[in-house]
Amino acid sequence: MRQETRDANGAGAEAVRASRVSRLASEAPYSFTLKAWPVIALATIGLCYLTQTVAGWFGVTLPDQQNIEVVRRCLTQAFASSKHFGVAAFLVLQVVVLLPAVEELVFRGLLFRLPQWAWRKGLGVWRFGSFDYSIILFSSLLFSAAHYLAQPWPDAAFLALFFFGVVQCGLYQKTGRIVCAMLNHALFNLTNLVLLFVLPE
């Protein structure tokens, strides 16, 4: 009887916490995004390093680190040269502002929200169901695959970017604002750029 009471109290506490998170996401979406960003960034980057570590256990070398060093060296040289400083600044602006906005419009606005809206509109059902989860997985897989094809260092990051895509869909779903997904994406990219120069080579 006591165990059942403790379980019921635990479930009630979890429900209260979930309710608070949902209320914060809907009533203060930008504050919620800023609070969620460090956790999301840490989890995504950690998953990338974990992928590299596990691959190393099986004798598989992923090219991420070598390619990251190339990017680090190129940006460092560009910022150090007054001739190429403008180009480097534009690349940073592109990574932190332009790409997050475009990618969120495509992968969360178009490939996630539009099919979700069309499905619910056609059926007249406005609840989060199995179709929504399918669309989340589909759009996140395309998001990860697009980075795999477009960048020279995607191997170890493939799973991490898939996870990031799923989280971004959830953030958009919770807040109801694609600008929040853009903001979190921009902060995530900025975090990666900072770590690129802060972490030891």
Protein backbone atom coordinates (compact mmCIF):
# COMPACT_ATOMS: atom_id res chain seq x y z
CA MET A 1 0.00 0.00 0.00
CA ARG A 2 2.81 2.40 0.90
CA GLN A 3 4.66 1.51 -2.29
CA GLU A 4 1.55 2.24 -4.35
CA THR A 5 1.16 5.56 -2.57
CA ARG A 6 4.81 6.48 -3.27
CA ASP A 7 4.39 5.50 -6.93
CA ALA A 8 1.24 7.59 -7.18
CA ASN A 9 2.98 10.56 -5.57
CA GLY A 10 5.95 10.17 -7.89
CA ALA A 11 3.71 10.02 -10.95
CA GLY A 12 1.84 13.09 -9.69
CA ALA A 13 5.09 15.01 -9.23
CA GLU A 14 6.22 14.08 -12.75
CA ALA A 15 2.89 15.26 -14.14
CA VAL A 16 3.25 18.58 -12.30
CA ARG A 17 6.78 19.08 -13.63
CA ALA A 18 5.66 18.25 -17.18
CA SER A 19 2.78 20.70 -16.81
CA ARG A 20 5.16 23.44 -15.65
CA VAL A 21 7.48 22.82 -18.60
CA SER A 22 4.58 22.96 -21.06
CA ARG A 23 3.25 26.14 -19.45
CA LEU A 24 6.68 27.80 -19.57
CA ALA A 25 7.12 26.79 -23.22
CA SER A 26 3.78 28.28 -24.21
CA GLU A 27 3.74 31.37 -21.96
CA ALA A 28 7.44 32.30 -22.14
CA PRO A 29 8.79 30.54 -25.26
CA TYR A 30 11.99 32.56 -25.58
CA SER A 31 12.90 32.13 -21.92
CA PHE A 32 12.19 28.41 -22.28
CA THR A 33 14.44 28.25 -25.35
CA LEU A 34 17.32 30.02 -23.61
CA LYS A 35 17.03 27.63 -20.66
CA ALA A 36 16.87 24.57 -22.91
CA TRP A 37 19.74 25.59 -25.21
CA PRO A 38 22.72 24.62 -22.98
CA VAL A 39 21.21 21.20 -22.25
CA ILE A 40 20.44 20.54 -25.93
CA ALA A 41 23.88 21.71 -27.07
CA LEU A 42 25.70 19.65 -24.43
CA ALA A 43 23.68 16.52 -25.23
CA THR A 44 24.17 16.86 -28.99
CA ILE A 45 27.90 17.55 -28.84
CA GLY A 46 28.34 14.82 -26.23
CA LEU A 47 26.54 12.34 -28.48
CA CYS A 48 28.89 13.22 -31.32
CA TYR A 49 31.96 12.53 -29.18
CA LEU A 50 30.36 9.36 -27.84
CA THR A 51 29.85 8.16 -31.42
CA GLN A 52 33.53 8.76 -32.14
CA THR A 53 34.56 6.93 -28.96
CA VAL A 54 32.38 3.87 -29.63
CA ALA A 55 33.59 3.74 -33.23
CA GLY A 56 37.17 3.79 -31.93
CA TRP A 57 36.44 0.76 -29.75
CA PHE A 58 35.68 -1.17 -32.92
CA GLY A 59 38.73 0.14 -34.74
CA VAL A 60 36.75 2.53 -36.93
CA THR A 61 38.32 5.97 -37.46
CA LEU A 62 35.85 8.71 -38.26
CA PRO A 63 37.25 11.75 -40.11
CA ASP A 64 35.57 14.38 -37.96
CA GLN A 65 38.58 15.52 -35.97
CA GLN A 66 40.89 15.89 -38.96
CA ASN A 67 38.30 17.93 -40.86
CA ILE A 68 37.50 20.07 -37.82
CA GLU A 69 41.19 20.93 -37.58
CA VAL A 70 41.13 22.07 -41.21
CA VAL A 71 38.15 24.34 -40.53
CA ARG A 72 39.78 25.70 -37.35
CA ARG A 73 43.02 26.47 -39.18
CA CYS A 74 41.27 28.14 -42.13
CA LEU A 75 39.13 30.38 -39.90
CA THR A 76 42.10 31.29 -37.70
CA GLN A 77 44.17 32.30 -40.72
CA ALA A 78 41.27 34.23 -42.24
CA PHE A 79 40.62 36.24 -39.06
CA ALA A 80 44.33 36.91 -38.67
CA SER A 81 44.55 38.40 -42.16
CA SER A 82 42.98 41.80 -42.74
CA LYS A 83 42.57 40.83 -46.38
CA HIS A 84 40.31 37.87 -45.58
CA PHE A 85 38.74 39.13 -42.34
CA GLY A 86 35.55 40.15 -44.12
CA VAL A 87 35.19 36.70 -45.68
CA ALA A 88 35.67 35.01 -42.31
CA ALA A 89 33.14 37.34 -40.66
CA PHE A 90 30.63 36.60 -43.41
CA LEU A 91 31.13 32.84 -42.94
CA VAL A 92 30.50 33.18 -39.20
CA LEU A 93 27.38 35.27 -39.91
CA GLN A 94 26.23 32.63 -42.36
CA VAL A 95 26.73 29.79 -39.87
CA VAL A 96 25.16 31.59 -36.90
CA VAL A 97 22.30 33.51 -38.57
CA LEU A 98 21.54 32.58 -42.17
CA LEU A 99 21.84 28.79 -42.09
CA PRO A 100 19.82 28.28 -38.87
CA ALA A 101 16.99 30.41 -40.28
CA VAL A 102 16.92 28.65 -43.65
CA GLU A 103 17.32 25.14 -42.22
CA GLU A 104 14.55 25.65 -39.67
CA LEU A 105 12.19 26.99 -42.32
CA VAL A 106 12.89 23.96 -44.52
CA PHE A 107 13.19 21.07 -42.05
CA ARG A 108 10.87 22.23 -39.28
CA GLY A 109 8.57 24.67 -41.07
CA LEU A 110 8.14 22.79 -44.34
CA LEU A 111 9.03 19.14 -43.76
CA PHE A 112 7.63 18.89 -40.22
CA ARG A 113 4.88 21.44 -39.67
CA LEU A 114 3.29 21.48 -43.14
CA PRO A 115 2.59 17.70 -43.39
CA GLN A 116 1.46 17.74 -39.77
CA TRP A 117 -0.95 20.61 -40.44
CA ALA A 118 -2.24 19.02 -43.66
CA TRP A 119 -2.83 15.67 -41.93
CA ARG A 120 -4.71 17.22 -39.03
CA LYS A 121 -6.67 19.54 -41.31
CA GLY A 122 -7.77 16.65 -43.50
CA LEU A 123 -8.87 14.46 -40.58
CA GLY A 124 -10.07 17.23 -38.32
CA VAL A 125 -7.93 15.81 -35.51
CA TRP A 126 -5.92 18.25 -33.39
CA ARG A 127 -3.98 16.01 -31.07
CA PHE A 128 -0.37 14.88 -31.09
CA GLY A 129 -0.47 11.36 -32.51
CA SER A 130 1.63 8.66 -34.15
CA PHE A 131 1.71 10.51 -37.47
CA ASP A 132 3.45 13.43 -35.76
CA TYR A 133 6.19 11.14 -34.47
CA SER A 134 6.64 9.69 -37.95
CA ILE A 135 7.02 13.18 -39.40
CA ILE A 136 9.52 14.10 -36.68
CA LEU A 137 11.67 11.08 -37.51
CA PHE A 138 11.34 11.71 -41.26
CA SER A 139 12.27 15.41 -41.15
CA SER A 140 15.10 14.75 -38.67
CA LEU A 141 16.52 12.00 -40.86
CA LEU A 142 16.49 14.35 -43.87
CA PHE A 143 18.08 17.08 -41.75
CA SER A 144 20.91 14.76 -40.74
CA ALA A 145 21.32 13.37 -44.26
CA ALA A 146 21.51 16.88 -45.73
CA HIS A 147 24.43 17.69 -43.43
CA TYR A 148 26.02 14.35 -44.29
CA LEU A 149 25.97 15.24 -47.99
CA ALA A 150 26.83 18.94 -47.65
CA GLN A 151 29.71 18.90 -45.16
CA PRO A 152 33.14 17.27 -45.15
CA TRP A 153 32.91 16.05 -41.53
CA PRO A 154 29.49 14.48 -41.00
CA ASP A 155 30.26 10.87 -40.09
CA ALA A 156 30.44 11.04 -36.30
CA ALA A 157 27.86 13.83 -36.22
CA PHE A 158 25.17 11.97 -38.19
CA LEU A 159 23.47 10.44 -35.15
CA ALA A 160 23.97 13.61 -33.10
CA LEU A 161 22.38 15.77 -35.81
CA PHE A 162 19.47 13.36 -36.07
CA PHE A 163 18.97 13.75 -32.32
CA PHE A 164 19.25 17.53 -32.68
CA GLY A 165 16.60 17.48 -35.42
CA VAL A 166 14.21 15.52 -33.20
CA VAL A 167 14.77 17.97 -30.34
CA GLN A 168 14.23 20.94 -32.66
CA CYS A 169 10.88 19.50 -33.76
CA GLY A 170 9.94 19.07 -30.11
CA LEU A 171 10.99 22.63 -29.30
CA TYR A 172 8.92 23.98 -32.18
CA GLN A 173 5.98 21.83 -31.11
CA LYS A 174 6.24 22.98 -27.48
CA THR A 175 6.66 26.70 -28.11
CA GLY A 176 4.59 26.99 -31.29
CA ARG A 177 7.16 29.45 -32.66
CA ILE A 178 9.65 28.59 -35.38
CA VAL A 179 11.69 31.62 -34.29
CA CYS A 180 12.48 29.71 -31.07
CA ALA A 181 13.82 26.81 -33.13
CA MET A 182 15.89 29.29 -35.15
CA LEU A 183 17.22 30.89 -31.96
CA ASN A 184 18.22 27.55 -30.44
CA HIS A 185 19.83 26.47 -33.73
CA ALA A 186 21.78 29.74 -33.93
CA LEU A 187 22.99 29.37 -30.32
CA PHE A 188 23.96 25.75 -31.00
CA ASN A 189 26.02 26.73 -34.05
CA LEU A 190 27.61 29.59 -32.11
CA THR A 191 28.50 27.16 -29.31
CA ASN A 192 30.22 24.89 -31.80
CA LEU A 193 32.18 27.79 -33.27
CA VAL A 194 33.34 28.92 -29.84
CA LEU A 195 34.35 25.38 -28.86
CA LEU A 196 36.24 25.13 -32.14
CA PHE A 197 38.71 27.73 -30.84
CA VAL A 198 38.48 27.04 -27.10
CA LEU A 199 39.06 23.29 -27.06
CA PRO A 200 42.66 22.12 -27.39
CA GLU A 201 43.79 20.95 -30.79
